[in-house]
């Protein structure tokens, strides 16, 4: 498989979707009626690989969305991707039966699953911030921000070496 420039824009999202939908506690917090083996049913319904705000929600639901920005390049070698995870739920689902707030617990489980992961970029994925997020009436949540470092350019062995370059 050939690598393309900016593959991290979808690689990170695909990895995050995999990390979310294979974790039983995260799946149960998103929708406690879905079994782990059927978690992929949540994709494009309650778990989105882009920022999504539903137009209308007829019943209380919980949503998780993610996206990736490249905030800047450090130099020709590295770039700094930022992974955003939005977690929000209808007010009727905020309070957990055992106590606590669903969005807080979900953020905790997500951070516990991906913070420090080596599956995103070079080195470890770092939690940068968690902030309040209220996308629409009757919904509350958080936006989590993670930072990483990745390669800026792909090496092309077919590209000729400049003739003035020292060798040896």
N, C-alpha and C. Protein backbone atom coordinates (compact mmCIF):
# COMPACT_ATOMS: atom_id res chain seq x y z
N UNK A 1 0.84 -1.19 0.00
CA UNK A 1 0.00 0.00 0.00
C UNK A 1 0.88 1.24 0.00
N UNK A 2 0.69 2.09 -0.95
CA UNK A 2 1.47 3.32 -1.04
C UNK A 2 0.91 4.37 -0.08
N UNK A 3 1.80 5.08 0.58
CA UNK A 3 1.38 6.16 1.46
C UNK A 3 1.17 7.43 0.64
N UNK A 4 0.21 8.20 1.03
CA UNK A 4 -0.09 9.47 0.37
C UNK A 4 0.10 10.61 1.36
N UNK A 5 0.33 11.78 0.83
CA UNK A 5 0.45 12.97 1.68
C UNK A 5 -0.86 13.18 2.43
N UNK A 6 -0.78 13.48 3.71
CA UNK A 6 -1.91 13.76 4.59
C UNK A 6 -2.82 12.56 4.84
N UNK A 7 -2.27 11.35 4.75
CA UNK A 7 -3.04 10.15 5.09
C UNK A 7 -3.60 10.23 6.51
N UNK A 8 -2.90 10.95 7.39
CA UNK A 8 -3.37 11.01 8.77
C UNK A 8 -4.77 11.61 8.89
N UNK A 9 -5.22 12.37 7.89
CA UNK A 9 -6.56 12.95 7.96
C UNK A 9 -7.63 11.87 8.03
N UNK A 10 -7.40 10.74 7.41
CA UNK A 10 -8.39 9.66 7.57
C UNK A 10 -7.85 8.49 8.39
N UNK A 11 -6.53 8.30 8.44
CA UNK A 11 -5.98 7.21 9.26
C UNK A 11 -6.31 7.40 10.73
N UNK A 12 -6.17 8.61 11.24
CA UNK A 12 -6.46 8.88 12.65
C UNK A 12 -7.94 8.63 12.94
N UNK A 13 -8.80 9.08 12.04
CA UNK A 13 -10.24 8.88 12.23
C UNK A 13 -10.59 7.39 12.22
N UNK A 14 -10.03 6.67 11.27
CA UNK A 14 -10.29 5.23 11.21
C UNK A 14 -9.79 4.53 12.46
N UNK A 15 -8.63 4.92 12.95
CA UNK A 15 -8.09 4.33 14.17
C UNK A 15 -8.99 4.66 15.36
N UNK A 16 -9.44 5.91 15.44
CA UNK A 16 -10.30 6.29 16.55
C UNK A 16 -11.63 5.53 16.50
N UNK A 17 -12.21 5.40 15.32
CA UNK A 17 -13.47 4.66 15.20
C UNK A 17 -13.26 3.22 15.68
N UNK A 18 -12.15 2.63 15.31
CA UNK A 18 -11.83 1.27 15.75
C UNK A 18 -11.67 1.22 17.26
N UNK A 19 -10.93 2.18 17.82
CA UNK A 19 -10.71 2.21 19.27
C UNK A 19 -12.03 2.38 20.03
N UNK A 20 -12.92 3.22 19.54
CA UNK A 20 -14.20 3.47 20.21
C UNK A 20 -15.12 2.26 20.14
N UNK A 21 -15.23 1.68 18.95
CA UNK A 21 -16.24 0.66 18.71
C UNK A 21 -15.81 -0.75 19.11
N UNK A 22 -14.63 -0.87 19.69
CA UNK A 22 -14.18 -2.17 20.20
C UNK A 22 -14.02 -2.13 21.72
N UNK A 23 -14.48 -1.06 22.34
CA UNK A 23 -14.37 -0.89 23.80
C UNK A 23 -15.78 -0.99 24.37
N UNK A 24 -16.04 -2.04 25.14
CA UNK A 24 -17.41 -2.31 25.61
C UNK A 24 -17.99 -1.18 26.45
N UNK A 25 -17.19 -0.55 27.32
CA UNK A 25 -17.70 0.53 28.16
C UNK A 25 -18.07 1.76 27.33
N UNK A 26 -17.26 2.07 26.32
CA UNK A 26 -17.54 3.22 25.46
C UNK A 26 -18.81 2.96 24.66
N UNK A 27 -18.93 1.79 24.08
CA UNK A 27 -20.14 1.45 23.31
C UNK A 27 -21.37 1.53 24.20
N UNK A 28 -21.29 0.99 25.41
CA UNK A 28 -22.44 1.00 26.33
C UNK A 28 -22.82 2.43 26.73
N UNK A 29 -21.84 3.32 26.87
CA UNK A 29 -22.15 4.71 27.21
C UNK A 29 -22.78 5.46 26.04
N UNK A 30 -22.43 5.07 24.81
CA UNK A 30 -23.04 5.70 23.64
C UNK A 30 -24.47 5.19 23.46
N UNK A 31 -24.64 3.87 23.54
CA UNK A 31 -25.97 3.27 23.38
C UNK A 31 -25.99 1.94 24.11
N UNK A 32 -26.68 1.89 25.24
CA UNK A 32 -26.67 0.68 26.06
C UNK A 32 -27.56 -0.43 25.51
N UNK A 33 -28.20 -0.20 24.36
CA UNK A 33 -29.01 -1.26 23.74
C UNK A 33 -28.22 -2.02 22.67
N UNK A 34 -27.02 -1.55 22.35
CA UNK A 34 -26.20 -2.18 21.30
C UNK A 34 -25.15 -3.07 21.94
N UNK A 35 -25.05 -4.30 21.47
CA UNK A 35 -24.01 -5.21 21.94
C UNK A 35 -22.71 -4.87 21.24
N UNK A 36 -21.59 -5.16 21.89
CA UNK A 36 -20.27 -4.85 21.34
C UNK A 36 -20.10 -5.42 19.93
N UNK A 37 -20.55 -6.63 19.71
CA UNK A 37 -20.38 -7.27 18.39
C UNK A 37 -21.14 -6.53 17.29
N UNK A 38 -22.12 -5.71 17.66
CA UNK A 38 -22.91 -4.95 16.68
C UNK A 38 -22.59 -3.45 16.72
N UNK A 39 -21.50 -3.09 17.35
CA UNK A 39 -21.16 -1.67 17.56
C UNK A 39 -20.99 -0.90 16.26
N UNK A 40 -20.61 -1.55 15.19
CA UNK A 40 -20.42 -0.84 13.91
C UNK A 40 -21.73 -0.22 13.40
N UNK A 41 -22.85 -0.68 13.94
CA UNK A 41 -24.15 -0.08 13.58
C UNK A 41 -24.24 1.39 14.01
N UNK A 42 -23.43 1.78 14.96
CA UNK A 42 -23.44 3.15 15.46
C UNK A 42 -22.80 4.15 14.48
N UNK A 43 -21.96 3.65 13.56
CA UNK A 43 -21.26 4.52 12.62
C UNK A 43 -22.26 5.21 11.70
N UNK A 44 -22.12 6.51 11.59
CA UNK A 44 -23.00 7.39 10.81
C UNK A 44 -24.41 7.45 11.36
N UNK A 45 -24.60 6.96 12.57
CA UNK A 45 -25.87 7.12 13.28
C UNK A 45 -25.64 7.91 14.57
N UNK A 46 -24.62 7.46 15.33
CA UNK A 46 -24.28 8.16 16.57
C UNK A 46 -22.78 8.39 16.70
N UNK A 47 -21.98 7.77 15.87
CA UNK A 47 -20.53 7.95 15.87
C UNK A 47 -20.14 8.36 14.45
N UNK A 48 -19.51 9.54 14.34
CA UNK A 48 -19.22 10.12 13.03
C UNK A 48 -17.74 10.47 12.90
N UNK A 49 -17.16 10.21 11.72
CA UNK A 49 -15.76 10.59 11.49
C UNK A 49 -15.63 12.03 10.95
N UNK A 50 -16.50 12.89 11.39
CA UNK A 50 -16.48 14.32 11.07
C UNK A 50 -17.38 15.02 12.09
N UNK A 51 -17.24 16.33 12.17
CA UNK A 51 -18.08 17.08 13.11
C UNK A 51 -19.52 17.05 12.58
N UNK A 52 -20.42 16.56 13.41
CA UNK A 52 -21.80 16.38 13.00
C UNK A 52 -22.73 16.86 14.11
N UNK A 53 -23.69 17.68 13.73
CA UNK A 53 -24.73 18.12 14.65
C UNK A 53 -26.05 17.69 14.01
N UNK A 54 -26.80 16.80 14.67
CA UNK A 54 -28.07 16.34 14.07
C UNK A 54 -29.06 17.49 13.92
N UNK A 55 -29.83 17.44 12.83
CA UNK A 55 -30.85 18.46 12.59
C UNK A 55 -31.96 18.35 13.63
N UNK A 56 -32.49 17.15 13.78
CA UNK A 56 -33.53 16.91 14.77
C UNK A 56 -33.26 15.56 15.43
N UNK A 57 -33.51 15.51 16.69
CA UNK A 57 -33.37 14.27 17.44
C UNK A 57 -34.68 14.04 18.16
N UNK A 58 -35.34 12.97 17.80
CA UNK A 58 -36.66 12.70 18.36
C UNK A 58 -36.61 11.95 19.68
N UNK A 59 -35.46 11.40 20.01
CA UNK A 59 -35.29 10.70 21.27
C UNK A 59 -33.91 11.02 21.82
N UNK A 60 -33.74 10.85 23.12
CA UNK A 60 -32.46 11.15 23.74
C UNK A 60 -31.38 10.22 23.24
N UNK A 61 -30.32 10.79 22.67
CA UNK A 61 -29.20 10.00 22.16
C UNK A 61 -27.88 10.63 22.59
N UNK A 62 -26.85 9.82 22.49
CA UNK A 62 -25.48 10.27 22.75
C UNK A 62 -24.71 10.16 21.44
N UNK A 63 -23.86 11.15 21.18
CA UNK A 63 -23.09 11.20 19.94
C UNK A 63 -21.62 11.38 20.24
N UNK A 64 -20.79 10.79 19.36
CA UNK A 64 -19.34 11.00 19.40
C UNK A 64 -18.92 11.29 17.96
N UNK A 65 -18.20 12.39 17.77
CA UNK A 65 -17.72 12.78 16.46
C UNK A 65 -16.22 13.07 16.56
N UNK A 66 -15.52 12.95 15.44
CA UNK A 66 -14.09 13.28 15.47
C UNK A 66 -13.68 13.93 14.17
N UNK A 67 -12.59 14.67 14.23
CA UNK A 67 -12.00 15.26 13.04
C UNK A 67 -10.53 15.54 13.31
N UNK A 68 -9.80 15.80 12.25
CA UNK A 68 -8.36 16.05 12.35
C UNK A 68 -8.03 17.33 11.60
N UNK A 69 -7.26 18.19 12.22
CA UNK A 69 -6.69 19.38 11.58
C UNK A 69 -5.18 19.25 11.62
N UNK A 70 -4.54 19.88 10.66
CA UNK A 70 -3.10 20.04 10.74
C UNK A 70 -2.88 21.49 11.17
N UNK A 71 -2.54 21.68 12.43
CA UNK A 71 -2.42 23.03 12.98
C UNK A 71 -1.25 23.79 12.36
N UNK A 72 -0.13 23.07 12.19
CA UNK A 72 1.03 23.71 11.57
C UNK A 72 2.07 22.66 11.25
N UNK A 73 3.03 23.07 10.45
CA UNK A 73 4.18 22.23 10.22
C UNK A 73 5.33 22.82 11.02
N UNK A 74 6.13 21.96 11.62
CA UNK A 74 7.26 22.45 12.40
C UNK A 74 8.40 22.81 11.47
N UNK A 75 8.61 22.00 10.47
CA UNK A 75 9.63 22.22 9.46
C UNK A 75 9.30 21.30 8.30
N UNK A 76 10.23 21.05 7.42
CA UNK A 76 9.96 20.18 6.29
C UNK A 76 9.82 18.72 6.70
N UNK A 77 10.19 18.40 7.91
CA UNK A 77 10.16 17.02 8.35
C UNK A 77 8.89 16.66 9.11
N UNK A 78 8.38 17.55 9.97
CA UNK A 78 7.27 17.22 10.84
C UNK A 78 6.08 18.15 10.68
N UNK A 79 4.89 17.59 10.92
CA UNK A 79 3.68 18.40 11.03
C UNK A 79 2.99 18.01 12.32
N UNK A 80 2.08 18.88 12.78
CA UNK A 80 1.42 18.68 14.07
C UNK A 80 -0.08 18.51 13.88
N UNK A 81 -0.55 17.28 13.74
CA UNK A 81 -1.99 17.04 13.64
C UNK A 81 -2.67 17.22 14.99
N UNK A 82 -3.89 17.71 14.96
CA UNK A 82 -4.72 17.84 16.15
C UNK A 82 -5.99 17.03 15.92
N UNK A 83 -6.27 16.13 16.84
CA UNK A 83 -7.45 15.27 16.77
C UNK A 83 -8.50 15.84 17.73
N UNK A 84 -9.69 16.11 17.20
CA UNK A 84 -10.81 16.61 18.01
C UNK A 84 -11.82 15.48 18.18
N UNK A 85 -12.34 15.35 19.40
CA UNK A 85 -13.40 14.39 19.68
C UNK A 85 -14.51 15.14 20.40
N UNK A 86 -15.69 15.19 19.76
CA UNK A 86 -16.85 15.82 20.37
C UNK A 86 -17.72 14.73 20.97
N UNK A 87 -18.08 14.90 22.22
CA UNK A 87 -18.94 13.95 22.94
C UNK A 87 -20.11 14.77 23.45
N UNK A 88 -21.33 14.43 23.04
CA UNK A 88 -22.48 15.18 23.54
C UNK A 88 -23.70 14.28 23.62
N UNK A 89 -24.59 14.64 24.53
CA UNK A 89 -25.77 13.82 24.77
C UNK A 89 -26.97 14.70 25.11
N UNK A 90 -28.13 14.14 24.89
CA UNK A 90 -29.38 14.82 25.23
C UNK A 90 -29.48 14.92 26.75
N UNK A 91 -30.10 15.96 27.24
CA UNK A 91 -30.19 16.18 28.69
C UNK A 91 -30.85 15.00 29.42
N UNK A 92 -31.72 14.26 28.73
CA UNK A 92 -32.39 13.12 29.35
C UNK A 92 -31.44 11.95 29.60
N UNK A 93 -30.27 11.96 28.96
CA UNK A 93 -29.29 10.88 29.09
C UNK A 93 -28.05 11.30 29.89
N UNK A 94 -28.00 12.55 30.33
CA UNK A 94 -26.80 13.04 31.02
C UNK A 94 -26.53 12.28 32.32
N UNK A 95 -27.54 12.09 33.12
CA UNK A 95 -27.38 11.46 34.43
C UNK A 95 -27.29 9.95 34.29
N UNK A 96 -26.20 9.39 34.79
CA UNK A 96 -26.03 7.93 34.76
C UNK A 96 -26.78 7.28 35.91
N UNK A 97 -27.33 6.09 35.71
CA UNK A 97 -28.08 5.40 36.78
C UNK A 97 -27.24 5.20 38.05
N UNK A 98 -25.95 4.93 37.90
CA UNK A 98 -25.08 4.72 39.06
C UNK A 98 -24.53 6.02 39.63
N UNK A 99 -24.92 7.15 39.03
CA UNK A 99 -24.44 8.46 39.47
C UNK A 99 -23.37 8.98 38.52
N UNK A 100 -23.25 10.27 38.46
CA UNK A 100 -22.28 10.88 37.56
C UNK A 100 -22.93 11.34 36.27
N UNK A 101 -22.10 11.91 35.42
CA UNK A 101 -22.56 12.49 34.15
C UNK A 101 -22.02 11.67 32.99
N UNK A 102 -22.91 11.28 32.09
CA UNK A 102 -22.55 10.42 30.96
C UNK A 102 -21.39 10.99 30.13
N UNK A 103 -21.44 12.26 29.80
CA UNK A 103 -20.39 12.83 28.94
C UNK A 103 -19.03 12.83 29.66
N UNK A 104 -19.04 13.07 30.97
CA UNK A 104 -17.79 13.04 31.73
C UNK A 104 -17.20 11.63 31.72
N UNK A 105 -18.06 10.64 31.95
CA UNK A 105 -17.60 9.24 31.99
C UNK A 105 -17.11 8.81 30.61
N UNK A 106 -17.81 9.22 29.58
CA UNK A 106 -17.42 8.87 28.22
C UNK A 106 -16.08 9.51 27.86
N UNK A 107 -15.89 10.77 28.22
CA UNK A 107 -14.60 11.42 27.98
C UNK A 107 -13.47 10.70 28.73
N UNK A 108 -13.76 10.31 29.95
CA UNK A 108 -12.76 9.59 30.75
C UNK A 108 -12.38 8.28 30.08
N UNK A 109 -13.36 7.53 29.59
CA UNK A 109 -13.10 6.24 28.93
C UNK A 109 -12.34 6.45 27.62
N UNK A 110 -12.72 7.46 26.85
CA UNK A 110 -12.03 7.73 25.58
C UNK A 110 -10.58 8.14 25.84
N UNK A 111 -10.37 9.06 26.79
CA UNK A 111 -9.00 9.48 27.11
C UNK A 111 -8.19 8.30 27.61
N UNK A 112 -8.80 7.46 28.43
CA UNK A 112 -8.09 6.29 28.94
C UNK A 112 -7.72 5.30 27.85
N UNK A 113 -8.47 5.31 26.76
CA UNK A 113 -8.22 4.39 25.65
C UNK A 113 -7.18 4.92 24.67
N UNK A 114 -7.21 6.24 24.37
CA UNK A 114 -6.32 6.74 23.31
C UNK A 114 -5.20 7.65 23.79
N UNK A 115 -5.32 8.27 24.96
CA UNK A 115 -4.25 9.17 25.41
C UNK A 115 -2.98 8.35 25.64
N UNK A 116 -1.90 8.77 25.00
CA UNK A 116 -0.64 8.05 25.10
C UNK A 116 -0.49 6.95 24.07
N UNK A 117 -1.52 6.75 23.24
CA UNK A 117 -1.45 5.70 22.22
C UNK A 117 -0.35 6.00 21.22
N UNK A 118 0.30 4.95 20.75
CA UNK A 118 1.32 5.07 19.71
C UNK A 118 0.76 4.75 18.33
N UNK A 119 -0.56 4.64 18.24
CA UNK A 119 -1.22 4.34 16.97
C UNK A 119 -1.49 5.60 16.16
N UNK A 120 -1.23 6.75 16.74
CA UNK A 120 -1.52 8.03 16.08
C UNK A 120 -0.22 8.80 15.93
N UNK A 121 0.34 8.83 14.76
CA UNK A 121 1.54 9.61 14.51
C UNK A 121 2.79 8.98 15.10
N UNK A 122 3.79 9.82 15.28
CA UNK A 122 5.07 9.41 15.85
C UNK A 122 5.01 9.64 17.35
N UNK A 123 5.52 8.75 18.12
CA UNK A 123 5.47 8.92 19.57
C UNK A 123 4.06 8.69 20.08
N UNK A 124 3.71 9.43 21.12
CA UNK A 124 2.43 9.21 21.79
C UNK A 124 1.44 10.34 21.52
N UNK A 125 0.16 9.98 21.45
CA UNK A 125 -0.92 10.96 21.34
C UNK A 125 -1.08 11.62 22.70
N UNK A 126 -1.18 12.95 22.72
CA UNK A 126 -1.26 13.68 23.99
C UNK A 126 -2.58 14.43 24.12
N UNK A 127 -3.24 14.24 25.26
CA UNK A 127 -4.44 15.01 25.57
C UNK A 127 -4.02 16.45 25.84
N UNK A 128 -4.62 17.38 25.11
CA UNK A 128 -4.27 18.79 25.24
C UNK A 128 -5.32 19.55 26.05
N UNK A 129 -6.63 19.28 25.77
CA UNK A 129 -7.68 19.99 26.50
C UNK A 129 -9.00 19.23 26.43
N UNK A 130 -9.88 19.56 27.39
CA UNK A 130 -11.26 19.09 27.40
C UNK A 130 -12.10 20.31 27.78
N UNK A 131 -13.00 20.71 26.87
CA UNK A 131 -13.79 21.92 27.10
C UNK A 131 -15.27 21.64 26.92
N UNK A 132 -16.09 22.47 27.57
CA UNK A 132 -17.55 22.35 27.44
C UNK A 132 -17.98 22.58 26.00
N UNK A 133 -19.07 21.91 25.63
CA UNK A 133 -19.59 22.00 24.27
C UNK A 133 -21.10 21.80 24.34
N UNK A 134 -21.86 22.77 23.86
CA UNK A 134 -23.32 22.66 23.83
C UNK A 134 -23.77 22.93 22.39
N UNK A 135 -23.90 21.87 21.58
CA UNK A 135 -24.15 22.06 20.16
C UNK A 135 -25.53 22.56 19.79
N UNK A 136 -26.54 22.26 20.65
CA UNK A 136 -27.90 22.70 20.36
C UNK A 136 -28.73 22.61 21.63
N UNK A 137 -29.93 23.11 21.56
CA UNK A 137 -30.82 23.10 22.71
C UNK A 137 -30.99 21.69 23.25
N UNK A 138 -30.92 21.56 24.57
CA UNK A 138 -31.11 20.31 25.30
C UNK A 138 -29.97 19.31 25.16
N UNK A 139 -28.83 19.72 24.61
CA UNK A 139 -27.66 18.85 24.51
C UNK A 139 -26.47 19.50 25.21
N UNK A 140 -25.72 18.68 25.92
CA UNK A 140 -24.51 19.12 26.60
C UNK A 140 -23.39 18.16 26.27
N UNK A 141 -22.17 18.64 26.31
CA UNK A 141 -21.06 17.75 26.04
C UNK A 141 -19.72 18.40 26.25
N UNK A 142 -18.73 17.76 25.68
CA UNK A 142 -17.33 18.19 25.78
C UNK A 142 -16.68 18.03 24.42
N UNK A 143 -15.67 18.86 24.17
CA UNK A 143 -14.80 18.65 23.02
C UNK A 143 -13.41 18.38 23.58
N UNK A 144 -12.86 17.25 23.19
CA UNK A 144 -11.54 16.83 23.64
C UNK A 144 -10.55 17.11 22.50
N UNK A 145 -9.38 17.62 22.84
CA UNK A 145 -8.37 17.92 21.85
C UNK A 145 -7.11 17.13 22.18
N UNK A 146 -6.60 16.41 21.20
CA UNK A 146 -5.38 15.63 21.34
C UNK A 146 -4.38 16.10 20.30
N UNK A 147 -3.11 16.11 20.63
CA UNK A 147 -2.08 16.52 19.69
C UNK A 147 -1.13 15.36 19.41
N UNK A 148 -0.53 15.42 18.23
CA UNK A 148 0.43 14.39 17.82
C UNK A 148 1.51 15.06 16.98
N UNK A 149 2.46 14.27 16.58
CA UNK A 149 3.50 14.71 15.65
C UNK A 149 3.60 13.63 14.59
N UNK A 150 3.70 14.06 13.32
CA UNK A 150 3.81 13.09 12.24
C UNK A 150 4.76 13.63 11.18
N UNK A 151 5.11 12.77 10.23
CA UNK A 151 5.99 13.19 9.15
C UNK A 151 5.28 14.15 8.22
N UNK A 152 5.99 15.18 7.78
CA UNK A 152 5.44 16.17 6.87
C UNK A 152 5.55 15.72 5.43
N UNK A 153 6.64 15.10 5.09
CA UNK A 153 6.86 14.71 3.70
C UNK A 153 7.19 13.24 3.61
N UNK A 154 6.78 12.66 2.54
CA UNK A 154 7.11 11.27 2.29
C UNK A 154 8.37 11.20 1.44
N UNK A 155 9.21 10.27 1.77
CA UNK A 155 10.43 10.08 1.02
C UNK A 155 10.12 9.42 -0.32
N UNK A 156 10.64 9.98 -1.37
CA UNK A 156 10.46 9.42 -2.70
C UNK A 156 11.82 8.95 -3.20
N UNK A 157 12.08 7.64 -3.18
CA UNK A 157 13.39 7.15 -3.61
C UNK A 157 13.65 7.35 -5.10
N UNK A 158 12.63 7.63 -5.88
CA UNK A 158 12.80 7.85 -7.32
C UNK A 158 13.17 9.28 -7.66
N UNK A 159 13.08 10.15 -6.70
CA UNK A 159 13.43 11.55 -6.93
C UNK A 159 14.95 11.67 -6.99
N UNK A 160 15.48 12.31 -8.01
CA UNK A 160 16.94 12.38 -8.14
C UNK A 160 17.57 13.24 -7.04
N UNK A 161 18.76 12.84 -6.64
CA UNK A 161 19.53 13.60 -5.67
C UNK A 161 20.20 14.74 -6.43
N UNK A 162 20.16 15.98 -5.91
CA UNK A 162 20.79 17.10 -6.61
C UNK A 162 22.27 16.80 -6.88
N UNK A 163 22.73 17.23 -8.04
CA UNK A 163 24.10 16.93 -8.46
C UNK A 163 25.16 17.60 -7.59
N UNK A 164 24.79 18.71 -6.90
CA UNK A 164 25.75 19.40 -6.05
C UNK A 164 25.82 18.84 -4.63
N UNK A 165 25.06 17.79 -4.33
CA UNK A 165 25.02 17.19 -3.00
C UNK A 165 26.26 16.33 -2.79
N UNK A 166 26.89 16.49 -1.62
CA UNK A 166 28.04 15.67 -1.28
C UNK A 166 27.60 14.24 -1.03
N UNK A 167 28.38 13.32 -1.46
CA UNK A 167 28.09 11.90 -1.21
C UNK A 167 29.25 11.29 -0.44
N UNK A 168 28.92 10.39 0.49
CA UNK A 168 29.96 9.66 1.21
C UNK A 168 30.38 10.30 2.42
